[in-house]
Amino acid sequence: MDNYNEFYNIIDEVLTVDKFQEMKNIPHHGITRYDHLMRVSYYSYLICKKLHLNYREAAIGGLLHDFFTTELDDSNSLKALVKHPKCALNNADKYFTLTDREKDIIKAHMFPITIQPPKYLESWIVDMVDNGAAIYEKGNGMKKELKTVATFLLILFINIMKFR
């Protein structure tokens, strides 16, 4: 079985839950939360598989690390960053039976912003993949915004030159 099919077999139970499907409608890092979760889950799965770690639990934990459907009611973004792993874990616990490793992956994915470090190597990997994915996604979003601004300025410049 190839990696792609194996990955989807592992995460199929999560994908069939309607509440998880709501992630497709929530913006996150310039894309949807669903797309972000899929990216983190898939790359964590690949890395853990290559390293002969528990890639199944890394895939599930990575898929559920930001499993919440509403933004946290906190005007302080640092507090929201600290709170959201617990919120995601509480939601995941409502819908799935999680292993200790999967729980750790979810609750520790914001280390060092959250105080407690991850217990498992798989948790560290998901944390690092999540950080890399967030930087990539936010950078990609800024790139699109910069292109829009550049296009607007170019059109403005052309129009100003026409009317000189």
Protein backbone atom coordinates (compact mmCIF):
# COMPACT_ATOMS: atom_id res chain seq x y z
CA MET A 1 0.00 0.00 0.00
CA ASP A 2 1.37 3.42 -0.87
CA ASN A 3 1.74 6.17 1.75
CA TYR A 4 -1.17 8.22 0.46
CA ASN A 5 -3.71 5.36 0.71
CA GLU A 6 -2.33 4.16 4.03
CA PHE A 7 -2.57 7.69 5.45
CA TYR A 8 -6.23 8.00 4.41
CA ASN A 9 -7.02 4.58 5.89
CA ILE A 10 -5.55 5.75 9.21
CA ILE A 11 -7.49 9.02 9.36
CA ASP A 12 -10.74 7.82 7.79
CA GLU A 13 -12.58 7.59 11.14
CA VAL A 14 -11.84 11.25 11.87
CA LEU A 15 -12.82 12.43 8.39
CA THR A 16 -16.27 10.83 8.68
CA VAL A 17 -17.25 12.94 11.71
CA ASP A 18 -19.47 15.88 10.73
CA LYS A 19 -17.99 18.15 13.40
CA PHE A 20 -14.53 17.60 11.92
CA GLN A 21 -15.85 18.45 8.45
CA GLU A 22 -16.74 21.91 9.82
CA MET A 23 -13.00 22.64 9.76
CA LYS A 24 -13.40 23.14 5.98
CA ASN A 25 -15.31 26.38 6.65
CA ILE A 26 -12.94 27.95 9.17
CA PRO A 27 -10.15 30.27 8.00
CA HIS A 28 -6.77 29.50 9.54
CA HIS A 29 -3.31 30.83 8.53
CA GLY A 30 -4.67 32.09 5.21
CA ILE A 31 -6.21 28.72 4.25
CA THR A 32 -8.85 26.57 5.97
CA ARG A 33 -8.30 24.88 9.29
CA TYR A 34 -9.10 21.57 7.54
CA ASP A 35 -6.28 22.09 5.01
CA HIS A 36 -3.86 23.06 7.79
CA LEU A 37 -4.79 19.97 9.83
CA MET A 38 -4.40 17.71 6.81
CA ARG A 39 -0.96 19.18 6.03
CA VAL A 40 0.31 18.80 9.59
CA SER A 41 -1.11 15.30 9.87
CA TYR A 42 0.29 14.05 6.56
CA TYR A 43 3.81 15.39 7.00
CA SER A 44 3.93 14.19 10.62
CA TYR A 45 2.81 10.75 9.40
CA LEU A 46 5.54 10.69 6.73
CA ILE A 47 8.33 11.78 9.09
CA CYS A 48 7.31 9.38 11.86
CA LYS A 49 6.99 6.52 9.41
CA LYS A 50 10.46 7.23 8.01
CA LEU A 51 11.86 7.28 11.57
CA HIS A 52 10.04 4.04 12.53
CA LEU A 53 7.95 5.84 15.16
CA ASN A 54 4.23 5.56 15.82
CA TYR A 55 3.08 7.18 12.59
CA ARG A 56 -0.56 6.17 13.13
CA GLU A 57 -0.86 8.11 16.36
CA ALA A 58 1.14 10.99 14.91
CA ALA A 59 -1.33 11.17 12.00
CA ILE A 60 -4.37 11.19 14.31
CA GLY A 61 -2.83 13.60 16.82
CA GLY A 62 -1.69 15.90 14.02
CA LEU A 63 -5.16 15.83 12.50
CA LEU A 64 -6.80 16.83 15.79
CA HIS A 65 -4.26 19.32 17.16
CA ASP A 66 -6.42 22.37 16.22
CA PHE A 67 -9.82 20.67 16.43
CA PHE A 68 -12.06 23.54 17.53
CA THR A 69 -14.77 25.22 15.48
CA THR A 70 -14.92 28.66 17.07
CA GLU A 71 -12.20 31.12 17.81
CA LEU A 72 -11.42 31.52 21.48
CA ASP A 73 -13.04 34.53 23.16
CA ASP A 74 -9.81 36.09 24.23
CA SER A 75 -8.62 39.51 23.15
CA ASN A 76 -5.09 38.55 24.19
CA SER A 77 -3.72 36.44 21.34
CA LEU A 78 -0.98 34.94 23.54
CA LYS A 79 -3.60 33.65 25.98
CA ALA A 80 -5.57 32.22 23.05
CA LEU A 81 -2.42 30.43 21.83
CA VAL A 82 -1.92 28.94 25.29
CA LYS A 83 -5.59 27.92 25.68
CA HIS A 84 -6.33 26.41 22.29
CA PRO A 85 -4.51 23.05 22.72
CA LYS A 86 -6.68 22.27 25.76
CA CYS A 87 -9.79 23.32 23.81
CA ALA A 88 -8.77 21.07 20.90
CA LEU A 89 -8.11 18.17 23.27
CA ASN A 90 -11.51 18.59 24.96
CA ASN A 91 -13.23 18.55 21.55
CA ALA A 92 -11.24 15.56 20.34
CA ASP A 93 -12.09 13.66 23.55
CA LYS A 94 -15.81 14.22 22.87
CA TYR A 95 -15.68 12.51 19.48
CA PHE A 96 -12.82 10.01 19.66
CA THR A 97 -11.11 7.55 21.97
CA LEU A 98 -7.57 8.86 22.13
CA THR A 99 -4.35 7.21 23.26
CA ASP A 100 -2.03 8.91 25.74
CA ARG A 101 0.35 9.72 22.88
CA GLU A 102 -2.42 11.32 20.77
CA LYS A 103 -3.53 13.38 23.78
CA ASP A 104 0.04 14.54 24.36
CA ILE A 105 0.43 15.48 20.70
CA ILE A 106 -2.66 17.68 20.90
CA LYS A 107 -1.96 19.33 24.25
CA ALA A 108 1.79 19.86 23.68
CA HIS A 109 1.73 21.11 20.09
CA MET A 110 2.26 24.73 21.15
CA PHE A 111 5.43 24.15 23.17
CA PRO A 112 7.27 26.34 24.24
CA ILE A 113 4.31 28.75 24.37
CA THR A 114 2.63 26.19 26.58
CA ILE A 115 4.81 25.39 29.56
CA GLN A 116 4.83 21.59 29.54
CA PRO A 117 7.11 20.01 26.93
CA PRO A 118 5.95 17.06 24.82
CA LYS A 119 6.47 13.59 26.34
CA TYR A 120 6.88 11.65 23.10
CA LEU A 121 9.10 12.04 20.07
CA GLU A 122 5.98 11.97 17.90
CA SER A 123 4.65 14.97 19.86
CA TRP A 124 7.85 16.89 19.18
CA ILE A 125 7.59 16.09 15.49
CA VAL A 126 3.97 17.25 15.22
CA ASP A 127 4.91 20.44 17.12
CA MET A 128 7.74 21.17 14.67
CA VAL A 129 5.68 20.26 11.59
CA ASP A 130 2.86 22.51 12.85
CA ASN A 131 5.28 25.42 13.28
CA GLY A 132 6.72 24.90 9.81
CA ALA A 133 3.26 24.58 8.26
CA ALA A 134 2.04 27.75 9.98
CA ILE A 135 5.04 29.74 8.75
CA TYR A 136 4.59 28.40 5.21
CA GLU A 137 0.84 29.04 5.18
CA LYS A 138 1.05 32.55 6.61
CA GLY A 139 3.93 33.39 4.26
CA ASN A 140 1.96 32.11 1.30
CA GLY A 141 -1.01 34.26 2.34
CA MET A 142 1.21 37.33 2.62
CA LYS A 143 2.70 36.58 -0.79
CA LYS A 144 -0.80 36.65 -2.32
CA GLU A 145 -1.62 39.90 -0.51
CA LEU A 146 1.64 41.48 -1.69
CA LYS A 147 0.86 40.47 -5.29
CA THR A 148 -2.57 42.10 -4.98
CA VAL A 149 -1.05 45.30 -3.58
CA ALA A 150 1.64 45.32 -6.29
CA THR A 151 -0.97 44.84 -9.02
CA PHE A 152 -3.09 47.65 -7.58
CA LEU A 153 -0.10 50.00 -7.42
CA LEU A 154 0.93 49.12 -10.98
CA ILE A 155 -2.57 49.83 -12.30
CA LEU A 156 -2.66 53.06 -10.33
CA PHE A 157 0.74 54.08 -11.72
CA ILE A 158 -0.33 53.27 -15.31
CA ASN A 159 -3.51 55.30 -14.91
CA ILE A 160 -1.63 58.27 -13.43
CA MET A 161 0.80 58.17 -16.33
CA LYS A 162 -2.09 58.16 -18.84
CA PHE A 163 -3.55 61.34 -17.42
CA ARG A 164 -0.31 63.33 -17.20
